[in-house]
Amino acid sequence: MIHQLWKDAPTIKNVKCVHTDAKKYLVNRVLTEGKTYEVKNETEEFLFVIDNSGKVGGFYKEYFEELQ
């Protein structure tokens, strides 16, 4: 149940959404191309960010580029 605490966790880094062209899932409803998102957790394949719904969601890293 640790994932329920991620929203209040400190931000690891910020990323920018570069596209929402998903092959399998609808991500354009919760991500906006060009918008910056706060990363709350990260795995090898996924970034967990606070999306447009205000909740933490897990998305493939391919949708984002890391900001310096």
PDB file of N, CA and C in Angstrom:
ATOM      1  N   MET A   1       0.807  -1.197   0.000  1.00  0.00           N
ATOM      2  CA  MET A   1       0.000   0.000   0.000  1.00  0.00           C
ATOM      3  C   MET A   1       0.858   1.271   0.000  1.00  0.00           C
ATOM      4  N   ILE A   2       2.163   1.125  -0.196  1.00  0.00           N
ATOM      5  CA  ILE A   2       3.045   2.292  -0.205  1.00  0.00           C
ATOM      6  C   ILE A   2       2.707   3.245  -1.345  1.00  0.00           C
ATOM      7  N   HIS A   3       2.123   2.726  -2.429  1.00  0.00           N
ATOM      8  CA  HIS A   3       1.778   3.577  -3.565  1.00  0.00           C
ATOM      9  C   HIS A   3       0.763   4.657  -3.192  1.00  0.00           C
ATOM     10  N   GLN A   4       0.017   4.465  -2.120  1.00  0.00           N
ATOM     11  CA  GLN A   4      -0.956   5.462  -1.691  1.00  0.00           C
ATOM     12  C   GLN A   4      -0.281   6.688  -1.082  1.00  0.00           C
ATOM     13  N   LEU A   5       0.988   6.579  -0.713  1.00  0.00           N
ATOM     14  CA  LEU A   5       1.719   7.690  -0.121  1.00  0.00           C
ATOM     15  C   LEU A   5       2.545   8.460  -1.149  1.00  0.00           C
ATOM     16  N   TRP A   6       2.620   7.989  -2.389  1.00  0.00           N
ATOM     17  CA  TRP A   6       3.458   8.603  -3.400  1.00  0.00           C
ATOM     18  C   TRP A   6       3.059  10.038  -3.716  1.00  0.00           C
ATOM     19  N   LYS A   7       1.767  10.358  -3.696  1.00  0.00           N
ATOM     20  CA  LYS A   7       1.322  11.702  -4.051  1.00  0.00           C
ATOM     21  C   LYS A   7       1.947  12.754  -3.136  1.00  0.00           C
ATOM     22  N   ASP A   8       2.115  12.434  -1.864  1.00  0.00           N
ATOM     23  CA  ASP A   8       2.682  13.367  -0.901  1.00  0.00           C
ATOM     24  C   ASP A   8       4.201  13.229  -0.771  1.00  0.00           C
ATOM     25  N   ALA A   9       4.785  12.285  -1.473  1.00  0.00           N
ATOM     26  CA  ALA A   9       6.238  12.066  -1.411  1.00  0.00           C
ATOM     27  C   ALA A   9       6.975  13.197  -2.115  1.00  0.00           C
ATOM     28  N   PRO A  10       8.238  13.422  -1.748  1.00  0.00           N
ATOM     29  CA  PRO A  10       9.008  14.462  -2.449  1.00  0.00           C
ATOM     30  C   PRO A  10       9.206  14.104  -3.920  1.00  0.00           C
ATOM     31  N   THR A  11       9.294  15.114  -4.745  1.00  0.00           N
ATOM     32  CA  THR A  11       9.488  14.928  -6.179  1.00  0.00           C
ATOM     33  C   THR A  11      10.919  14.494  -6.456  1.00  0.00           C
ATOM     34  N   ILE A  12      11.081  13.425  -7.246  1.00  0.00           N
ATOM     35  CA  ILE A  12      12.407  12.915  -7.602  1.00  0.00           C
ATOM     36  C   ILE A  12      13.041  13.790  -8.677  1.00  0.00           C
ATOM     37  N   LYS A  13      12.257  14.089  -9.714  1.00  0.00           N
ATOM     38  CA  LYS A  13      12.715  14.913 -10.829  1.00  0.00           C
ATOM     39  C   LYS A  13      11.493  15.372 -11.608  1.00  0.00           C
ATOM     40  N   ASN A  14      11.713  16.239 -12.575  1.00  0.00           N
ATOM     41  CA  ASN A  14      10.649  16.702 -13.456  1.00  0.00           C
ATOM     42  C   ASN A  14      10.907  16.190 -14.865  1.00  0.00           C
ATOM     43  N   VAL A  15       9.832  15.828 -15.541  1.00  0.00           N
ATOM     44  CA  VAL A  15       9.925  15.347 -16.917  1.00  0.00           C
ATOM     45  C   VAL A  15       8.897  16.077 -17.770  1.00  0.00           C
ATOM     46  N   LYS A  16       9.164  16.114 -19.069  1.00  0.00           N
ATOM     47  CA  LYS A  16       8.261  16.746 -20.024  1.00  0.00           C
ATOM     48  C   LYS A  16       7.665  15.677 -20.917  1.00  0.00           C
ATOM     49  N   CYS A  17       6.372  15.719 -21.123  1.00  0.00           N
ATOM     50  CA  CYS A  17       5.701  14.769 -22.008  1.00  0.00           C
ATOM     51  C   CYS A  17       6.017  15.147 -23.453  1.00  0.00           C
ATOM     52  N   VAL A  18       6.577  14.211 -24.220  1.00  0.00           N
ATOM     53  CA  VAL A  18       6.957  14.493 -25.604  1.00  0.00           C
ATOM     54  C   VAL A  18       5.934  13.982 -26.614  1.00  0.00           C
ATOM     55  N   HIS A  19       5.128  12.996 -26.229  1.00  0.00           N
ATOM     56  CA  HIS A  19       4.052  12.529 -27.114  1.00  0.00           C
ATOM     57  C   HIS A  19       3.045  11.708 -26.314  1.00  0.00           C
ATOM     58  N   THR A  20       1.868  11.558 -26.902  1.00  0.00           N
ATOM     59  CA  THR A  20       0.818  10.737 -26.288  1.00  0.00           C
ATOM     60  C   THR A  20       0.295   9.703 -27.282  1.00  0.00           C
ATOM     61  N   ASP A  21       1.148   9.309 -28.232  1.00  0.00           N
ATOM     62  CA  ASP A  21       0.774   8.344 -29.262  1.00  0.00           C
ATOM     63  C   ASP A  21       0.953   6.925 -28.740  1.00  0.00           C
ATOM     64  N   ALA A  22       0.009   6.468 -27.939  1.00  0.00           N
ATOM     65  CA  ALA A  22       0.084   5.135 -27.367  1.00  0.00           C
ATOM     66  C   ALA A  22      -0.509   4.122 -28.335  1.00  0.00           C
ATOM     67  N   LYS A  23       0.126   2.975 -28.426  1.00  0.00           N
ATOM     68  CA  LYS A  23      -0.354   1.921 -29.314  1.00  0.00           C
ATOM     69  C   LYS A  23      -1.479   1.113 -28.671  1.00  0.00           C
ATOM     70  N   LYS A  24      -1.414   0.965 -27.350  1.00  0.00           N
ATOM     71  CA  LYS A  24      -2.334   0.059 -26.683  1.00  0.00           C
ATOM     72  C   LYS A  24      -3.298   0.753 -25.720  1.00  0.00           C
ATOM     73  N   TYR A  25      -2.873   1.830 -25.097  1.00  0.00           N
ATOM     74  CA  TYR A  25      -3.669   2.481 -24.057  1.00  0.00           C
ATOM     75  C   TYR A  25      -4.001   3.915 -24.448  1.00  0.00           C
ATOM     76  N   LEU A  26      -5.040   4.484 -23.834  1.00  0.00           N
ATOM     77  CA  LEU A  26      -5.388   5.885 -24.045  1.00  0.00           C
ATOM     78  C   LEU A  26      -4.699   6.726 -22.980  1.00  0.00           C
ATOM     79  N   VAL A  27      -3.657   7.420 -23.365  1.00  0.00           N
ATOM     80  CA  VAL A  27      -2.951   8.262 -22.406  1.00  0.00           C
ATOM     81  C   VAL A  27      -3.213   9.743 -22.654  1.00  0.00           C
ATOM     82  N   ASN A  28      -3.789  10.082 -23.802  1.00  0.00           N
ATOM     83  CA  ASN A  28      -4.025  11.490 -24.102  1.00  0.00           C
ATOM     84  C   ASN A  28      -5.114  12.106 -23.234  1.00  0.00           C
ATOM     85  N   ARG A  29      -5.818  11.297 -22.470  1.00  0.00           N
ATOM     86  CA  ARG A  29      -6.829  11.824 -21.540  1.00  0.00           C
ATOM     87  C   ARG A  29      -6.207  12.293 -20.227  1.00  0.00           C
ATOM     88  N   VAL A  30      -5.032  11.768 -19.889  1.00  0.00           N
ATOM     89  CA  VAL A  30      -4.402  12.107 -18.611  1.00  0.00           C
ATOM     90  C   VAL A  30      -3.022  12.742 -18.756  1.00  0.00           C
ATOM     91  N   LEU A  31      -2.477  12.765 -19.972  1.00  0.00           N
ATOM     92  CA  LEU A  31      -1.204  13.443 -20.232  1.00  0.00           C
ATOM     93  C   LEU A  31      -1.403  14.459 -21.340  1.00  0.00           C
ATOM     94  N   THR A  32      -0.673  15.565 -21.259  1.00  0.00           N
ATOM     95  CA  THR A  32      -0.720  16.602 -22.281  1.00  0.00           C
ATOM     96  C   THR A  32       0.677  16.777 -22.861  1.00  0.00           C
ATOM     97  N   GLU A  33       0.769  16.683 -24.170  1.00  0.00           N
ATOM     98  CA  GLU A  33       2.058  16.844 -24.838  1.00  0.00           C
ATOM     99  C   GLU A  33       2.615  18.237 -24.565  1.00  0.00           C
ATOM    100  N   GLY A  34       3.887  18.312 -24.138  1.00  0.00           N
ATOM    101  CA  GLY A  34       4.539  19.575 -23.849  1.00  0.00           C
ATOM    102  C   GLY A  34       4.443  20.008 -22.395  1.00  0.00           C
ATOM    103  N   LYS A  35       3.621  19.352 -21.603  1.00  0.00           N
ATOM    104  CA  LYS A  35       3.450  19.718 -20.195  1.00  0.00           C
ATOM    105  C   LYS A  35       4.512  19.034 -19.326  1.00  0.00           C
ATOM    106  N   THR A  36       4.900  19.698 -18.243  1.00  0.00           N
ATOM    107  CA  THR A  36       5.879  19.161 -17.308  1.00  0.00           C
ATOM    108  C   THR A  36       5.166  18.456 -16.163  1.00  0.00           C
ATOM    109  N   TYR A  37       5.703  17.296 -15.768  1.00  0.00           N
ATOM    110  CA  TYR A  37       5.114  16.493 -14.694  1.00  0.00           C
ATOM    111  C   TYR A  37       6.163  16.173 -13.638  1.00  0.00           C
ATOM    112  N   GLU A  38       5.706  16.037 -12.393  1.00  0.00           N
ATOM    113  CA  GLU A  38       6.569  15.674 -11.272  1.00  0.00           C
ATOM    114  C   GLU A  38       6.638  14.156 -11.154  1.00  0.00           C
ATOM    115  N   VAL A  39       7.850  13.603 -11.099  1.00  0.00           N
ATOM    116  CA  VAL A  39       8.046  12.167 -10.942  1.00  0.00           C
ATOM    117  C   VAL A  39       8.087  11.847  -9.451  1.00  0.00           C
ATOM    118  N   LYS A  40       7.216  10.929  -9.038  1.00  0.00           N
ATOM    119  CA  LYS A  40       7.139  10.535  -7.631  1.00  0.00           C
ATOM    120  C   LYS A  40       7.834   9.201  -7.361  1.00  0.00           C
ATOM    121  N   ASN A  41       7.927   8.349  -8.387  1.00  0.00           N
ATOM    122  CA  ASN A  41       8.622   7.068  -8.264  1.00  0.00           C
ATOM    123  C   ASN A  41       9.023   6.622  -9.663  1.00  0.00           C
ATOM    124  N   GLU A  42      10.007   5.728  -9.731  1.00  0.00           N
ATOM    125  CA  GLU A  42      10.536   5.296 -11.025  1.00  0.00           C
ATOM    126  C   GLU A  42      10.966   3.844 -10.942  1.00  0.00           C
ATOM    127  N   THR A  43      10.707   3.103 -12.010  1.00  0.00           N
ATOM    128  CA  THR A  43      11.227   1.745 -12.161  1.00  0.00           C
ATOM    129  C   THR A  43      12.006   1.716 -13.472  1.00  0.00           C
ATOM    130  N   GLU A  44      12.496   0.554 -13.854  1.00  0.00           N
ATOM    131  CA  GLU A  44      13.239   0.445 -15.117  1.00  0.00           C
ATOM    132  C   GLU A  44      12.389   0.826 -16.319  1.00  0.00           C
ATOM    133  N   GLU A  45      11.095   0.496 -16.266  1.00  0.00           N
ATOM    134  CA  GLU A  45      10.227   0.662 -17.426  1.00  0.00           C
ATOM    135  C   GLU A  45       9.233   1.817 -17.296  1.00  0.00           C
ATOM    136  N   PHE A  46       8.879   2.182 -16.063  1.00  0.00           N
ATOM    137  CA  PHE A  46       7.805   3.145 -15.837  1.00  0.00           C
ATOM    138  C   PHE A  46       8.242   4.351 -15.020  1.00  0.00           C
ATOM    139  N   LEU A  47       7.538   5.472 -15.252  1.00  0.00           N
ATOM    140  CA  LEU A  47       7.618   6.646 -14.398  1.00  0.00           C
ATOM    141  C   LEU A  47       6.244   6.824 -13.767  1.00  0.00           C
ATOM    142  N   PHE A  48       6.215   7.114 -12.495  1.00  0.00           N
ATOM    143  CA  PHE A  48       4.971   7.359 -11.788  1.00  0.00           C
ATOM    144  C   PHE A  48       4.886   8.852 -11.525  1.00  0.00           C
ATOM    145  N   VAL A  49       3.953   9.513 -12.214  1.00  0.00           N
ATOM    146  CA  VAL A  49       3.832  10.971 -12.166  1.00  0.00           C
ATOM    147  C   VAL A  49       2.424  11.355 -11.716  1.00  0.00           C
ATOM    148  N   ILE A  50       2.302  12.605 -11.257  1.00  0.00           N
ATOM    149  CA  ILE A  50       0.969  13.138 -10.989  1.00  0.00           C
ATOM    150  C   ILE A  50       0.431  13.635 -12.323  1.00  0.00           C
ATOM    151  N   ASP A  51      -0.592  12.953 -12.837  1.00  0.00           N
ATOM    152  CA  ASP A  51      -1.113  13.263 -14.170  1.00  0.00           C
ATOM    153  C   ASP A  51      -2.178  14.362 -14.110  1.00  0.00           C
ATOM    154  N   ASN A  52      -2.852  14.597 -15.225  1.00  0.00           N
ATOM    155  CA  ASN A  52      -3.850  15.664 -15.320  1.00  0.00           C
ATOM    156  C   ASN A  52      -5.060  15.433 -14.419  1.00  0.00           C
ATOM    157  N   SER A  53      -5.300  14.214 -13.985  1.00  0.00           N
ATOM    158  CA  SER A  53      -6.428  13.930 -13.094  1.00  0.00           C
ATOM    159  C   SER A  53      -6.094  14.272 -11.644  1.00  0.00           C
ATOM    160  N   GLY A  54      -4.813  14.583 -11.374  1.00  0.00           N
ATOM    161  CA  GLY A  54      -4.395  14.902 -10.014  1.00  0.00           C
ATOM    162  C   GLY A  54      -3.987  13.693  -9.207  1.00  0.00           C
ATOM    163  N   LYS A  55      -3.991  12.532  -9.845  1.00  0.00           N
ATOM    164  CA  LYS A  55      -3.612  11.284  -9.176  1.00  0.00           C
ATOM    165  C   LYS A  55      -2.279  10.789  -9.730  1.00  0.00           C
ATOM    166  N   VAL A  56      -1.635   9.903  -9.002  1.00  0.00           N
ATOM    167  CA  VAL A  56      -0.388   9.310  -9.465  1.00  0.00           C
ATOM    168  C   VAL A  56      -0.710   8.182 -10.437  1.00  0.00           C
ATOM    169  N   GLY A  57      -0.112   8.252 -11.609  1.00  0.00           N
ATOM    170  CA  GLY A  57      -0.303   7.221 -12.624  1.00  0.00           C
ATOM    171  C   GLY A  57       1.042   6.739 -13.129  1.00  0.00           C
ATOM    172  N   GLY A  58       1.097   5.478 -13.546  1.00  0.00           N
ATOM    173  CA  GLY A  58       2.322   4.900 -14.083  1.00  0.00           C
ATOM    174  C   GLY A  58       2.275   4.881 -15.602  1.00  0.00           C
ATOM    175  N   PHE A  59       3.335   5.402 -16.222  1.00  0.00           N
ATOM    176  CA  PHE A  59       3.398   5.496 -17.678  1.00  0.00           C
ATOM    177  C   PHE A  59       4.766   5.040 -18.162  1.00  0.00           C
ATOM    178  N   TYR A  60       4.800   4.486 -19.371  1.00  0.00           N
ATOM    179  CA  TYR A  60       6.074   4.098 -19.970  1.00  0.00           C
ATOM    180  C   TYR A  60       6.975   5.321 -20.092  1.00  0.00           C
ATOM    181  N   LYS A  61       8.264   5.116 -19.935  1.00  0.00           N
ATOM    182  CA  LYS A  61       9.237   6.206 -20.020  1.00  0.00           C
ATOM    183  C   LYS A  61       9.293   6.831 -21.407  1.00  0.00           C
ATOM    184  N   GLU A  62       8.850   6.105 -22.426  1.00  0.00           N
ATOM    185  CA  GLU A  62       8.930   6.600 -23.799  1.00  0.00           C
ATOM    186  C   GLU A  62       8.094   7.858 -24.037  1.00  0.00           C
ATOM    187  N   TYR A  63       7.146   8.152 -23.157  1.00  0.00           N
ATOM    188  CA  TYR A  63       6.305   9.336 -23.322  1.00  0.00           C
ATOM    189  C   TYR A  63       6.981  10.610 -22.810  1.00  0.00           C
ATOM    190  N   PHE A  64       8.124  10.494 -22.158  1.00  0.00           N
ATOM    191  CA  PHE A  64       8.728  11.622 -21.471  1.00  0.00           C
ATOM    192  C   PHE A  64      10.191  11.829 -21.865  1.00  0.00           C
ATOM    193  N   GLU A  65      10.641  13.061 -21.631  1.00  0.00           N
ATOM    194  CA  GLU A  65      12.073  13.365 -21.686  1.00  0.00           C
ATOM    195  C   GLU A  65      12.415  14.075 -20.374  1.00  0.00           C
ATOM    196  N   GLU A  66      13.578  13.764 -19.852  1.00  0.00           N
ATOM    197  CA  GLU A  66      14.008  14.324 -18.575  1.00  0.00           C
ATOM    198  C   GLU A  66      14.456  15.767 -18.760  1.00  0.00           C
ATOM    199  N   LEU A  67      14.030  16.623 -17.850  1.00  0.00           N
ATOM    200  CA  LEU A  67      14.447  18.019 -17.866  1.00  0.00           C
ATOM    201  C   LEU A  67      15.702  18.185 -17.052  1.00  0.00           C
ATOM    202  N   GLN A  68      16.554  19.091 -17.471  1.00  0.00           N
ATOM    203  CA  GLN A  68      17.823  19.333 -16.752  1.00  0.00           C
ATOM    204  C   GLN A  68      17.633  20.327 -15.643  1.00  0.00           C
TER     205      GLN A  68
END
